Amino acid sequence: MLLRFACYVLISVFSLSAPCFAAAAEDFRVPILLYHRFGPTVADGMTVTTPVFESHMKYLHDNGYTVIPLRRLVDHYRGKVPAPKPKSVVIVADDAHKSVYSDMLPVIRKYNYPVTIFAYPSAISNAKYAMTWDQLRALKKTGLFDIQSHTYWHPNFKKERKKLSNEAYDKFVTTQLLKSKAKLESELGGKVDLLAWPFGIYDDYLIKKAVEAGYVASFTIERRHAAPGDPVMKIPRYLLVNSDSGRAFVRLLEGNAVKRNVVY
């Protein structure tokens, strides 16, 4: 009888404890650091000067942070791998600006950090501000850069919805999602199934269309850490500006970033 009671107690304790261990294992908060362009001076609101960017990378390196690939975080959301470890960080860049090649690449090589670039193919080898396909191939060849989708030509979906019929809008969205995917895969190889929403604009309809187009995760510009409760199609990112430097950058990493409205 005593042995049976002891076994019952052990089983009960284990049953109560197991969910706690599982919850602890799932708990994580990962800042996704979103950059756009770089340079010696602040040319516009989206520019982070190259010295400030390098100071960010140095701070991560010197203070025990681990930069993980975005894909690693997505794989956790999809139940494929364990939760990221404490002090994990992700680095991404939207738009494939030419300064990613000229300014970001040397710093990334120095620290050997993985980066995901969200590109919209209409600009590549076409717009003066954008990289070329050869430059994107060179980035990918380093093994540090993954190239994913930012739609085909970075539309404002709110504006397009207002001026198009339902049928035309549906066709427009499908084209933006599928044509970007196809072009990136054709030019660069590999699988393109991650999507950054242009201007951070998304809704349930757009998410549904993205899933139908074969995207497994998508990303917003809500200024907070990615956490267990976030839907995989609404993962938040911090859009960094040049004033996110020094103590402001530290507060951001700690989850205490200053709230601000994003202006493109």
C-alpha atoms as a PDB file:
ATOM      1  CA  MET A   1       0.000   0.000   0.000  1.00  0.00           C
ATOM      2  CA  LEU A   2       2.796   2.399   0.945  1.00  0.00           C
ATOM      3  CA  LEU A   3       4.637   1.611  -2.296  1.00  0.00           C
ATOM      4  CA  ARG A   4       1.469   2.195  -4.297  1.00  0.00           C
ATOM      5  CA  PHE A   5       0.950   5.594  -2.598  1.00  0.00           C
ATOM      6  CA  ALA A   6       4.559   6.606  -3.295  1.00  0.00           C
ATOM      7  CA  CYS A   7       4.134   5.749  -6.948  1.00  0.00           C
ATOM      8  CA  TYR A   8       0.909   7.770  -7.090  1.00  0.00           C
ATOM      9  CA  VAL A   9       2.658  10.800  -5.605  1.00  0.00           C
ATOM     10  CA  LEU A  10       5.550  10.565  -8.072  1.00  0.00           C
ATOM     11  CA  ILE A  11       3.195  10.241 -11.025  1.00  0.00           C
ATOM     12  CA  SER A  12       1.109  13.181  -9.816  1.00  0.00           C
ATOM     13  CA  VAL A  13       4.154  15.402  -9.310  1.00  0.00           C
ATOM     14  CA  PHE A  14       5.531  14.518 -12.732  1.00  0.00           C
ATOM     15  CA  SER A  15       2.160  15.186 -14.390  1.00  0.00           C
ATOM     16  CA  LEU A  16       1.916  18.595 -12.783  1.00  0.00           C
ATOM     17  CA  SER A  17       5.521  19.498 -13.516  1.00  0.00           C
ATOM     18  CA  ALA A  18       5.707  18.385 -17.150  1.00  0.00           C
ATOM     19  CA  PRO A  19       3.565  21.211 -18.548  1.00  0.00           C
ATOM     20  CA  CYS A  20       5.674  23.715 -16.601  1.00  0.00           C
ATOM     21  CA  PHE A  21       8.849  22.377 -18.150  1.00  0.00           C
ATOM     22  CA  ALA A  22       7.225  22.442 -21.586  1.00  0.00           C
ATOM     23  CA  ALA A  23       6.079  26.036 -21.102  1.00  0.00           C
ATOM     24  CA  ALA A  24       9.529  27.101 -19.947  1.00  0.00           C
ATOM     25  CA  ALA A  25      11.113  25.440 -22.974  1.00  0.00           C
ATOM     26  CA  GLU A  26       8.712  27.316 -25.276  1.00  0.00           C
ATOM     27  CA  ASP A  27       9.287  30.731 -23.707  1.00  0.00           C
ATOM     28  CA  PHE A  28      11.370  33.062 -25.878  1.00  0.00           C
ATOM     29  CA  ARG A  29      11.561  36.675 -26.985  1.00  0.00           C
ATOM     30  CA  VAL A  30      13.604  37.376 -30.105  1.00  0.00           C
ATOM     31  CA  PRO A  31      14.145  40.860 -31.575  1.00  0.00           C
ATOM     32  CA  ILE A  32      14.188  40.869 -35.368  1.00  0.00           C
ATOM     33  CA  LEU A  33      16.316  43.857 -36.384  1.00  0.00           C
ATOM     34  CA  LEU A  34      15.126  45.334 -39.682  1.00  0.00           C
ATOM     35  CA  TYR A  35      17.441  47.603 -41.706  1.00  0.00           C
ATOM     36  CA  HIS A  36      16.894  49.265 -45.067  1.00  0.00           C
ATOM     37  CA  ARG A  37      19.920  51.253 -46.202  1.00  0.00           C
ATOM     38  CA  PHE A  38      23.275  52.478 -45.013  1.00  0.00           C
ATOM     39  CA  GLY A  39      25.775  55.233 -45.729  1.00  0.00           C
ATOM     40  CA  PRO A  40      28.134  57.826 -44.220  1.00  0.00           C
ATOM     41  CA  THR A  41      25.280  60.235 -43.440  1.00  0.00           C
ATOM     42  CA  VAL A  42      21.537  60.056 -42.800  1.00  0.00           C
ATOM     43  CA  ALA A  43      20.171  60.561 -46.298  1.00  0.00           C
ATOM     44  CA  ASP A  44      16.570  59.825 -45.262  1.00  0.00           C
ATOM     45  CA  GLY A  45      14.484  58.364 -42.480  1.00  0.00           C
ATOM     46  CA  MET A  46      15.369  54.796 -43.431  1.00  0.00           C
ATOM     47  CA  THR A  47      19.143  55.263 -43.425  1.00  0.00           C
ATOM     48  CA  VAL A  48      21.215  53.857 -40.594  1.00  0.00           C
ATOM     49  CA  THR A  49      24.732  55.202 -40.923  1.00  0.00           C
ATOM     50  CA  THR A  50      27.363  52.546 -41.452  1.00  0.00           C
ATOM     51  CA  PRO A  51      29.212  53.440 -38.201  1.00  0.00           C
ATOM     52  CA  VAL A  52      25.970  53.094 -36.216  1.00  0.00           C
ATOM     53  CA  PHE A  53      25.241  49.752 -37.885  1.00  0.00           C
ATOM     54  CA  GLU A  54      28.726  48.530 -37.052  1.00  0.00           C
ATOM     55  CA  SER A  55      28.231  49.661 -33.448  1.00  0.00           C
ATOM     56  CA  HIS A  56      25.081  47.514 -33.329  1.00  0.00           C
ATOM     57  CA  MET A  57      26.930  44.440 -34.538  1.00  0.00           C
ATOM     58  CA  LYS A  58      29.811  45.064 -32.152  1.00  0.00           C
ATOM     59  CA  TYR A  59      27.425  45.396 -29.227  1.00  0.00           C
ATOM     60  CA  LEU A  60      25.790  42.069 -30.086  1.00  0.00           C
ATOM     61  CA  HIS A  61      29.197  40.429 -30.377  1.00  0.00           C
ATOM     62  CA  ASP A  62      30.597  41.883 -27.154  1.00  0.00           C
ATOM     63  CA  ASN A  63      27.548  41.267 -24.976  1.00  0.00           C
ATOM     64  CA  GLY A  64      26.782  37.608 -25.463  1.00  0.00           C
ATOM     65  CA  TYR A  65      24.061  37.767 -28.119  1.00  0.00           C
ATOM     66  CA  THR A  66      23.677  35.009 -30.698  1.00  0.00           C
ATOM     67  CA  VAL A  67      22.532  36.011 -34.175  1.00  0.00           C
ATOM     68  CA  ILE A  68      20.450  33.196 -35.617  1.00  0.00           C
ATOM     69  CA  PRO A  69      19.090  32.818 -39.171  1.00  0.00           C
ATOM     70  CA  LEU A  70      15.513  33.974 -39.628  1.00  0.00           C
ATOM     71  CA  ARG A  71      14.751  30.518 -40.979  1.00  0.00           C
ATOM     72  CA  ARG A  72      15.740  29.039 -37.607  1.00  0.00           C
ATOM     73  CA  LEU A  73      13.089  31.151 -35.869  1.00  0.00           C
ATOM     74  CA  VAL A  74      10.469  30.277 -38.496  1.00  0.00           C
ATOM     75  CA  ASP A  75      11.253  26.581 -38.127  1.00  0.00           C
ATOM     76  CA  HIS A  76      10.511  26.861 -34.419  1.00  0.00           C
ATOM     77  CA  TYR A  77       7.158  28.515 -35.085  1.00  0.00           C
ATOM     78  CA  ARG A  78       6.410  25.631 -37.439  1.00  0.00           C
ATOM     79  CA  GLY A  79       7.262  23.066 -34.751  1.00  0.00           C
ATOM     80  CA  LYS A  80      10.416  21.771 -36.412  1.00  0.00           C
ATOM     81  CA  VAL A  81      13.105  22.817 -33.920  1.00  0.00           C
ATOM     82  CA  PRO A  82      13.317  23.846 -30.237  1.00  0.00           C
ATOM     83  CA  ALA A  83      12.790  27.427 -29.118  1.00  0.00           C
ATOM     84  CA  PRO A  84      15.664  29.892 -29.651  1.00  0.00           C
ATOM     85  CA  LYS A  85      18.015  30.272 -26.711  1.00  0.00           C
ATOM     86  CA  PRO A  86      18.017  33.419 -24.555  1.00  0.00           C
ATOM     87  CA  LYS A  87      19.709  36.458 -26.133  1.00  0.00           C
ATOM     88  CA  SER A  88      19.003  35.256 -29.676  1.00  0.00           C
ATOM     89  CA  VAL A  89      18.675  37.981 -32.331  1.00  0.00           C
ATOM     90  CA  VAL A  90      17.721  37.978 -36.026  1.00  0.00           C
ATOM     91  CA  ILE A  91      18.997  40.442 -38.658  1.00  0.00           C
ATOM     92  CA  VAL A  92      17.059  41.273 -41.834  1.00  0.00           C
ATOM     93  CA  ALA A  93      17.138  43.961 -44.536  1.00  0.00           C
ATOM     94  CA  ASP A  94      14.230  45.038 -46.748  1.00  0.00           C
ATOM     95  CA  ASP A  95      14.373  46.327 -50.344  1.00  0.00           C
ATOM     96  CA  ALA A  96      17.841  45.047 -51.447  1.00  0.00           C
ATOM     97  CA  HIS A  97      19.306  48.563 -51.513  1.00  0.00           C
ATOM     98  CA  LYS A  98      22.758  48.800 -53.105  1.00  0.00           C
ATOM     99  CA  SER A  99      24.255  49.877 -49.758  1.00  0.00           C
ATOM    100  CA  VAL A 100      23.524  46.387 -48.422  1.00  0.00           C
ATOM    101  CA  TYR A 101      26.243  45.214 -50.792  1.00  0.00           C
ATOM    102  CA  SER A 102      28.642  48.127 -50.350  1.00  0.00           C
ATOM    103  CA  ASP A 103      28.247  48.872 -46.622  1.00  0.00           C
ATOM    104  CA  MET A 104      26.430  46.037 -44.863  1.00  0.00           C
ATOM    105  CA  LEU A 105      28.332  43.137 -46.409  1.00  0.00           C
ATOM    106  CA  PRO A 106      31.813  44.042 -45.055  1.00  0.00           C
ATOM    107  CA  VAL A 107      30.442  44.384 -41.513  1.00  0.00           C
ATOM    108  CA  ILE A 108      28.491  41.142 -41.763  1.00  0.00           C
ATOM    109  CA  ARG A 109      31.587  39.335 -43.050  1.00  0.00           C
ATOM    110  CA  LYS A 110      33.562  40.671 -40.088  1.00  0.00           C
ATOM    111  CA  TYR A 111      31.123  39.230 -37.540  1.00  0.00           C
ATOM    112  CA  ASN A 112      29.986  36.246 -39.620  1.00  0.00           C
ATOM    113  CA  TYR A 113      26.316  36.904 -38.911  1.00  0.00           C
ATOM    114  CA  PRO A 114      23.414  35.429 -40.937  1.00  0.00           C
ATOM    115  CA  VAL A 115      21.105  37.906 -42.681  1.00  0.00           C
ATOM    116  CA  THR A 116      17.834  37.581 -44.592  1.00  0.00           C
ATOM    117  CA  ILE A 117      17.163  40.093 -47.374  1.00  0.00           C
ATOM    118  CA  PHE A 118      13.607  40.735 -48.513  1.00  0.00           C
ATOM    119  CA  ALA A 119      13.807  41.894 -52.138  1.00  0.00           C
ATOM    120  CA  TYR A 120      11.237  43.040 -54.651  1.00  0.00           C
ATOM    121  CA  PRO A 121      12.492  41.792 -58.046  1.00  0.00           C
ATOM    122  CA  SER A 122      11.176  44.652 -60.214  1.00  0.00           C
ATOM    123  CA  ALA A 123      13.929  46.889 -58.812  1.00  0.00           C
ATOM    124  CA  ILE A 124      16.840  44.453 -59.100  1.00  0.00           C
ATOM    125  CA  SER A 125      19.249  45.337 -61.946  1.00  0.00           C
ATOM    126  CA  ASN A 126      16.770  48.058 -62.838  1.00  0.00           C
ATOM    127  CA  ALA A 127      16.435  50.819 -60.234  1.00  0.00           C
ATOM    128  CA  LYS A 128      19.543  52.910 -59.519  1.00  0.00           C
ATOM    129  CA  TYR A 129      19.148  52.468 -55.761  1.00  0.00           C
ATOM    130  CA  ALA A 130      18.925  48.672 -55.892  1.00  0.00           C
ATOM    131  CA  MET A 131      21.435  45.858 -56.148  1.00  0.00           C
ATOM    132  CA  THR A 132      21.954  43.823 -59.282  1.00  0.00           C
ATOM    133  CA  TRP A 133      21.193  40.137 -59.665  1.00  0.00           C
ATOM    134  CA  ASP A 134      24.932  39.446 -59.741  1.00  0.00           C
ATOM    135  CA  GLN A 135      25.372  41.250 -56.431  1.00  0.00           C
ATOM    136  CA  LEU A 136      22.564  39.244 -54.867  1.00  0.00           C
ATOM    137  CA  ARG A 137      24.175  36.057 -56.164  1.00  0.00           C
ATOM    138  CA  ALA A 138      27.472  37.160 -54.626  1.00  0.00           C
ATOM    139  CA  LEU A 139      25.762  37.744 -51.283  1.00  0.00           C
ATOM    140  CA  LYS A 140      24.110  34.345 -51.393  1.00  0.00           C
ATOM    141  CA  LYS A 141      27.412  32.699 -52.283  1.00  0.00           C
ATOM    142  CA  THR A 142      28.918  33.882 -48.975  1.00  0.00           C
ATOM    143  CA  GLY A 143      26.575  31.494 -47.171  1.00  0.00           C
ATOM    144  CA  LEU A 144      25.526  34.327 -44.845  1.00  0.00           C
ATOM    145  CA  PHE A 145      22.635  35.778 -46.845  1.00  0.00           C
ATOM    146  CA  ASP A 146      19.228  34.325 -47.645  1.00  0.00           C
ATOM    147  CA  ILE A 147      17.072  36.172 -50.202  1.00  0.00           C
ATOM    148  CA  GLN A 148      13.301  36.160 -49.717  1.00  0.00           C
ATOM    149  CA  SER A 149      10.234  37.989 -51.042  1.00  0.00           C
ATOM    150  CA  HIS A 150       9.006  41.565 -50.523  1.00  0.00           C
ATOM    151  CA  THR A 151       6.344  41.144 -53.268  1.00  0.00           C
ATOM    152  CA  TYR A 152       7.141  41.951 -56.901  1.00  0.00           C
ATOM    153  CA  TRP A 153       7.201  45.753 -56.848  1.00  0.00           C
ATOM    154  CA  HIS A 154       6.480  46.834 -53.236  1.00  0.00           C
ATOM    155  CA  PRO A 155       2.868  48.044 -53.640  1.00  0.00           C
ATOM    156  CA  ASN A 156       0.741  49.832 -51.097  1.00  0.00           C
ATOM    157  CA  PHE A 157      -2.064  47.300 -50.807  1.00  0.00           C
ATOM    158  CA  LYS A 158      -4.409  49.768 -49.107  1.00  0.00           C
ATOM    159  CA  LYS A 159      -4.209  52.153 -52.053  1.00  0.00           C
ATOM    160  CA  GLU A 160      -4.540  49.376 -54.609  1.00  0.00           C
ATOM    161  CA  ARG A 161      -7.646  47.987 -52.898  1.00  0.00           C
ATOM    162  CA  LYS A 162      -9.341  51.401 -53.088  1.00  0.00           C
ATOM    163  CA  LYS A 163      -8.805  51.872 -56.814  1.00  0.00           C
ATOM    164  CA  LEU A 164      -9.327  48.309 -58.099  1.00  0.00           C
ATOM    165  CA  SER A 165     -12.413  46.133 -58.390  1.00  0.00           C
ATOM    166  CA  ASN A 166     -12.542  43.037 -56.187  1.00  0.00           C
ATOM    167  CA  GLU A 167     -11.648  40.811 -59.125  1.00  0.00           C
ATOM    168  CA  ALA A 168      -8.808  43.049 -60.299  1.00  0.00           C
ATOM    169  CA  TYR A 169      -7.451  43.391 -56.771  1.00  0.00           C
ATOM    170  CA  ASP A 170      -7.486  39.643 -56.266  1.00  0.00           C
ATOM    171  CA  LYS A 171      -5.529  39.188 -59.500  1.00  0.00           C
ATOM    172  CA  PHE A 172      -3.138  41.979 -58.546  1.00  0.00           C
ATOM    173  CA  VAL A 173      -2.342  40.457 -55.140  1.00  0.00           C
ATOM    174  CA  THR A 174      -1.851  36.984 -56.618  1.00  0.00           C
ATOM    175  CA  THR A 175       0.545  38.368 -59.227  1.00  0.00           C
ATOM    176  CA  GLN A 176       2.573  40.316 -56.645  1.00  0.00           C
ATOM    177  CA  LEU A 177       3.001  37.229 -54.483  1.00  0.00           C
ATOM    178  CA  LEU A 178       3.617  34.578 -57.145  1.00  0.00           C
ATOM    179  CA  LYS A 179       5.692  36.606 -59.611  1.00  0.00           C
ATOM    180  CA  SER A 180       8.142  37.670 -56.893  1.00  0.00           C
ATOM    181  CA  LYS A 181       8.564  34.104 -55.702  1.00  0.00           C
ATOM    182  CA  ALA A 182       9.075  32.746 -59.210  1.00  0.00           C
ATOM    183  CA  LYS A 183      11.572  35.416 -60.247  1.00  0.00           C
ATOM    184  CA  LEU A 184      13.709  35.118 -57.116  1.00  0.00           C
ATOM    185  CA  GLU A 185      13.814  31.333 -57.344  1.00  0.00           C
ATOM    186  CA  SER A 186      14.634  31.472 -61.052  1.00  0.00           C
ATOM    187  CA  GLU A 187      17.462  33.991 -60.675  1.00  0.00           C
ATOM    188  CA  LEU A 188      18.972  32.837 -57.385  1.00  0.00           C
ATOM    189  CA  GLY A 189      17.908  29.248 -56.849  1.00  0.00           C
ATOM    190  CA  GLY A 190      16.678  27.869 -53.550  1.00  0.00           C
ATOM    191  CA  LYS A 191      13.217  28.127 -52.027  1.00  0.00           C
ATOM    192  CA  VAL A 192      11.417  31.415 -51.498  1.00  0.00           C
ATOM    193  CA  ASP A 193       8.628  30.996 -48.949  1.00  0.00           C
ATOM    194  CA  LEU A 194       9.089  33.915 -46.534  1.00  0.00           C
ATOM    195  CA  LEU A 195       7.379  37.258 -47.133  1.00  0.00           C
ATOM    196  CA  ALA A 196       7.853  40.760 -45.704  1.00  0.00           C
ATOM    197  CA  TRP A 197       4.718  42.900 -46.087  1.00  0.00           C
ATOM    198  CA  PRO A 198       5.425  46.157 -47.980  1.00  0.00           C
ATOM    199  CA  PHE A 199       4.883  49.165 -45.683  1.00  0.00           C
ATOM    200  CA  GLY A 200       3.897  46.644 -43.006  1.00  0.00           C
ATOM    201  CA  ILE A 201       0.404  46.476 -44.553  1.00  0.00           C
ATOM    202  CA  TYR A 202      -1.472  43.205 -44.149  1.00  0.00           C
ATOM    203  CA  ASP A 203      -4.921  41.879 -43.310  1.00  0.00           C
ATOM    204  CA  ASP A 204      -6.658  38.510 -43.114  1.00  0.00           C
ATOM    205  CA  TYR A 205      -7.354  38.475 -46.857  1.00  0.00           C
ATOM    206  CA  LEU A 206      -3.712  39.173 -47.752  1.00  0.00           C
ATOM    207  CA  ILE A 207      -2.516  36.530 -45.313  1.00  0.00           C
ATOM    208  CA  LYS A 208      -4.893  34.008 -46.880  1.00  0.00           C
ATOM    209  CA  LYS A 209      -3.559  34.852 -50.337  1.00  0.00           C
ATOM    210  CA  ALA A 210       0.038  34.548 -49.132  1.00  0.00           C
ATOM    211  CA  VAL A 211      -0.614  31.086 -47.716  1.00  0.00           C
ATOM    212  CA  GLU A 212      -2.267  30.048 -50.966  1.00  0.00           C
ATOM    213  CA  ALA A 213       0.811  31.310 -52.845  1.00  0.00           C
ATOM    214  CA  GLY A 214       3.072  29.020 -50.826  1.00  0.00           C
ATOM    215  CA  TYR A 215       4.469  31.344 -48.151  1.00  0.00           C
ATOM    216  CA  VAL A 216       4.948  29.699 -44.759  1.00  0.00           C
ATOM    217  CA  ALA A 217       5.711  32.842 -42.737  1.00  0.00           C
ATOM    218  CA  SER A 218       5.321  36.594 -43.143  1.00  0.00           C
ATOM    219  CA  PHE A 219       6.604  39.633 -41.290  1.00  0.00           C
ATOM    220  CA  THR A 220       5.224  42.945 -40.079  1.00  0.00           C
ATOM    221  CA  ILE A 221       6.883  46.102 -38.731  1.00  0.00           C
ATOM    222  CA  GLU A 222       5.265  46.080 -35.316  1.00  0.00           C
ATOM    223  CA  ARG A 223       7.935  47.308 -32.927  1.00  0.00           C
ATOM    224  CA  ARG A 224       8.321  44.445 -30.473  1.00  0.00           C
ATOM    225  CA  HIS A 225      10.054  41.108 -29.913  1.00  0.00           C
ATOM    226  CA  ALA A 226       8.833  37.969 -31.648  1.00  0.00           C
ATOM    227  CA  ALA A 227       7.286  35.740 -28.976  1.00  0.00           C
ATOM    228  CA  PRO A 228       5.508  32.366 -28.687  1.00  0.00           C
ATOM    229  CA  GLY A 229       2.007  33.829 -29.082  1.00  0.00           C
ATOM    230  CA  ASP A 230       2.684  35.424 -32.464  1.00  0.00           C
ATOM    231  CA  PRO A 231       1.009  33.805 -35.499  1.00  0.00           C
ATOM    232  CA  VAL A 232       3.602  32.635 -37.999  1.00  0.00           C
ATOM    233  CA  MET A 233       2.062  34.915 -40.643  1.00  0.00           C
ATOM    234  CA  LYS A 234       2.293  38.012 -38.414  1.00  0.00           C
ATOM    235  CA  ILE A 235       5.787  37.919 -36.928  1.00  0.00           C
ATOM    236  CA  PRO A 236       6.865  41.397 -35.705  1.00  0.00           C
ATOM    237  CA  ARG A 237      10.094  43.208 -36.501  1.00  0.00           C
ATOM    238  CA  TYR A 238      11.841  46.362 -35.278  1.00  0.00           C
ATOM    239  CA  LEU A 239      12.325  48.852 -38.102  1.00  0.00           C
ATOM    240  CA  LEU A 240      15.582  50.534 -37.106  1.00  0.00           C
ATOM    241  CA  VAL A 241      16.460  54.162 -37.756  1.00  0.00           C
ATOM    242  CA  ASN A 242      19.667  56.000 -37.018  1.00  0.00           C
ATOM    243  CA  SER A 243      18.457  57.242 -33.627  1.00  0.00           C
ATOM    244  CA  ASP A 244      18.273  53.617 -32.468  1.00  0.00           C
ATOM    245  CA  SER A 245      21.868  53.837 -31.317  1.00  0.00           C
ATOM    246  CA  GLY A 246      23.720  53.747 -28.024  1.00  0.00           C
ATOM    247  CA  ARG A 247      21.416  53.338 -25.049  1.00  0.00           C
ATOM    248  CA  ALA A 248      18.338  53.332 -27.328  1.00  0.00           C
ATOM    249  CA  PHE A 249      19.658  50.216 -29.071  1.00  0.00           C
ATOM    250  CA  VAL A 250      20.257  48.504 -25.726  1.00  0.00           C
ATOM    251  CA  ARG A 251      16.719  49.325 -24.589  1.00  0.00           C
ATOM    252  CA  LEU A 252      15.404  47.883 -27.851  1.00  0.00           C
ATOM    253  CA  LEU A 253      17.237  44.610 -27.312  1.00  0.00           C
ATOM    254  CA  GLU A 254      15.827  44.486 -23.784  1.00  0.00           C
ATOM    255  CA  GLY A 255      12.305  44.975 -25.086  1.00  0.00           C
ATOM    256  CA  ASN A 256      11.954  48.568 -23.915  1.00  0.00           C
ATOM    257  CA  ALA A 257      12.183  50.355 -27.240  1.00  0.00           C
ATOM    258  CA  VAL A 258      10.658  53.766 -27.695  1.00  0.00           C
ATOM    259  CA  LYS A 259       7.301  53.563 -29.476  1.00  0.00           C
ATOM    260  CA  ARG A 260       7.112  55.445 -32.754  1.00  0.00           C
ATOM    261  CA  ASN A 261       5.032  55.708 -35.877  1.00  0.00           C
ATOM    262  CA  VAL A 262       6.854  54.410 -38.934  1.00  0.00           C
ATOM    263  CA  VAL A 263       7.007  56.824 -41.857  1.00  0.00           C
ATOM    264  CA  TYR A 264       8.267  55.510 -45.197  1.00  0.00           C
END
